[in-house]
C-alpha atoms as a PDB file:
ATOM      1  CA  MET A   1      23.697  -3.946   7.668  1.00  0.00           C
ATOM      2  CA  GLU A   2      23.641   0.061   6.140  1.00  0.00           C
ATOM      3  CA  ASN A   3      20.908  -1.821   3.292  1.00  0.00           C
ATOM      4  CA  GLN A   4      18.247  -3.130   6.129  1.00  0.00           C
ATOM      5  CA  LEU A   5      18.689   0.511   7.455  1.00  0.00           C
ATOM      6  CA  GLY A   6      18.188   2.059   4.509  1.00  0.00           C
ATOM      7  CA  LEU A   7      14.736   0.130   4.403  1.00  0.00           C
ATOM      8  CA  VAL A   8      13.782   1.203   7.608  1.00  0.00           C
ATOM      9  CA  LEU A   9      14.275   4.800   7.158  1.00  0.00           C
ATOM     10  CA  LYS A  10      12.184   4.356   4.051  1.00  0.00           C
ATOM     11  CA  LEU A  11       9.503   2.567   5.304  1.00  0.00           C
ATOM     12  CA  LEU A  12       9.649   5.114   8.345  1.00  0.00           C
ATOM     13  CA  LEU A  13       9.210   8.123   5.856  1.00  0.00           C
ATOM     14  CA  LEU A  14       6.792   6.127   4.120  1.00  0.00           C
ATOM     15  CA  SER A  15       4.551   5.687   6.891  1.00  0.00           C
ATOM     16  CA  ALA A  16       4.812   9.080   8.239  1.00  0.00           C
ATOM     17  CA  LEU A  17       3.493  10.947   4.894  1.00  0.00           C
ATOM     18  CA  LEU A  18       0.645   7.913   4.136  1.00  0.00           C
ATOM     19  CA  SER A  19       0.153   9.253   7.941  1.00  0.00           C
ATOM     20  CA  LEU A  20      -0.014  13.166   6.935  1.00  0.00           C
ATOM     21  CA  LEU A  21      -2.016  12.379   3.701  1.00  0.00           C
ATOM     22  CA  ILE A  22      -4.583  10.459   5.664  1.00  0.00           C
ATOM     23  CA  LYS A  23      -5.225  12.928   8.595  1.00  0.00           C
ATOM     24  CA  TYR A  24      -4.966  16.397   6.777  1.00  0.00           C
ATOM     25  CA  ALA A  25      -5.784  15.428   3.058  1.00  0.00           C
ATOM     26  CA  ALA A  26      -8.736  12.630   3.096  1.00  0.00           C
ATOM     27  CA  PRO A  27     -11.566  14.614   5.186  1.00  0.00           C
ATOM     28  CA  ASN A  28     -11.295  16.631   1.823  1.00  0.00           C
ATOM     29  CA  LEU A  29     -12.375  13.674  -0.493  1.00  0.00           C
ATOM     30  CA  SER A  30     -15.810  13.524  -0.627  1.00  0.00           C
ATOM     31  CA  ILE A  31     -16.211   9.817  -1.007  1.00  0.00           C
ATOM     32  CA  PRO A  32     -19.628   8.027  -0.821  1.00  0.00           C
ATOM     33  CA  ALA A  33     -20.556   5.918   1.862  1.00  0.00           C
ATOM     34  CA  THR A  34     -21.943   2.468  -0.079  1.00  0.00           C
ATOM     35  CA  ALA A  35     -21.253  -1.479  -0.085  1.00  0.00           C
ATOM     36  CA  THR A  36     -19.284  -0.844  -3.027  1.00  0.00           C
ATOM     37  CA  ASN A  37     -16.651   1.434  -2.103  1.00  0.00           C
ATOM     38  CA  ALA A  38     -16.195  -0.577   1.270  1.00  0.00           C
ATOM     39  CA  LEU A  39     -15.569  -3.625  -0.349  1.00  0.00           C
ATOM     40  CA  ILE A  40     -12.975  -1.572  -2.715  1.00  0.00           C
ATOM     41  CA  ILE A  41     -11.057  -0.319  -0.300  1.00  0.00           C
ATOM     42  CA  ILE A  42     -10.959  -3.513   1.882  1.00  0.00           C
ATOM     43  CA  LEU A  43      -9.902  -6.033  -1.323  1.00  0.00           C
ATOM     44  CA  LEU A  44      -7.379  -3.519  -3.194  1.00  0.00           C
ATOM     45  CA  PRO A  45      -5.094  -4.049  -0.957  1.00  0.00           C
ATOM     46  CA  ILE A  46      -5.145  -7.642  -0.674  1.00  0.00           C
ATOM     47  CA  VAL A  47      -5.393  -7.778  -4.533  1.00  0.00           C
ATOM     48  CA  ILE A  48      -2.059  -5.238  -4.930  1.00  0.00           C
ATOM     49  CA  ILE A  49      -0.603  -8.171  -2.798  1.00  0.00           C
ATOM     50  CA  ALA A  50      -1.211 -11.380  -4.427  1.00  0.00           C
ATOM     51  CA  ILE A  51      -0.281  -9.891  -8.094  1.00  0.00           C
ATOM     52  CA  ALA A  52       2.923  -8.559  -6.714  1.00  0.00           C
ATOM     53  CA  LEU A  53       3.498 -12.051  -5.417  1.00  0.00           C
ATOM     54  CA  LEU A  54       2.683 -13.908  -8.270  1.00  0.00           C
ATOM     55  CA  TRP A  55       4.242 -11.057 -10.779  1.00  0.00           C
ATOM     56  CA  ARG A  56       7.484 -11.813  -8.214  1.00  0.00           C
ATOM     57  CA  PHE A  57       6.733 -15.552  -8.525  1.00  0.00           C
ATOM     58  CA  GLN A  58       6.666 -15.797 -11.621  1.00  0.00           C
ATOM     59  CA  ALA A  59       9.621 -13.558 -12.128  1.00  0.00           C
ATOM     60  CA  GLN A  60      12.061 -16.408 -10.028  1.00  0.00           C
ATOM     61  CA  LYS A  61      10.678 -19.133 -11.724  1.00  0.00           C
ATOM     62  CA  GLN A  62      12.359 -17.506 -14.766  1.00  0.00           C
ATOM     63  CA  ASN A  63      15.616 -17.551 -13.266  1.00  0.00           C
END
């Protein structure tokens, strides 16, 4: 139970930090509004999750 509580607290802290970065640091970035940048922003999380799942699958397959 402690492990799950720790995970939830870590996720909460990470979410709060990310939220503060988006609110206060992101407006200072000058990212042009192009179709390429929009595709990168939309597809990057999907690609990262796919790589993480493939990596986990490969590790599980070796065991």
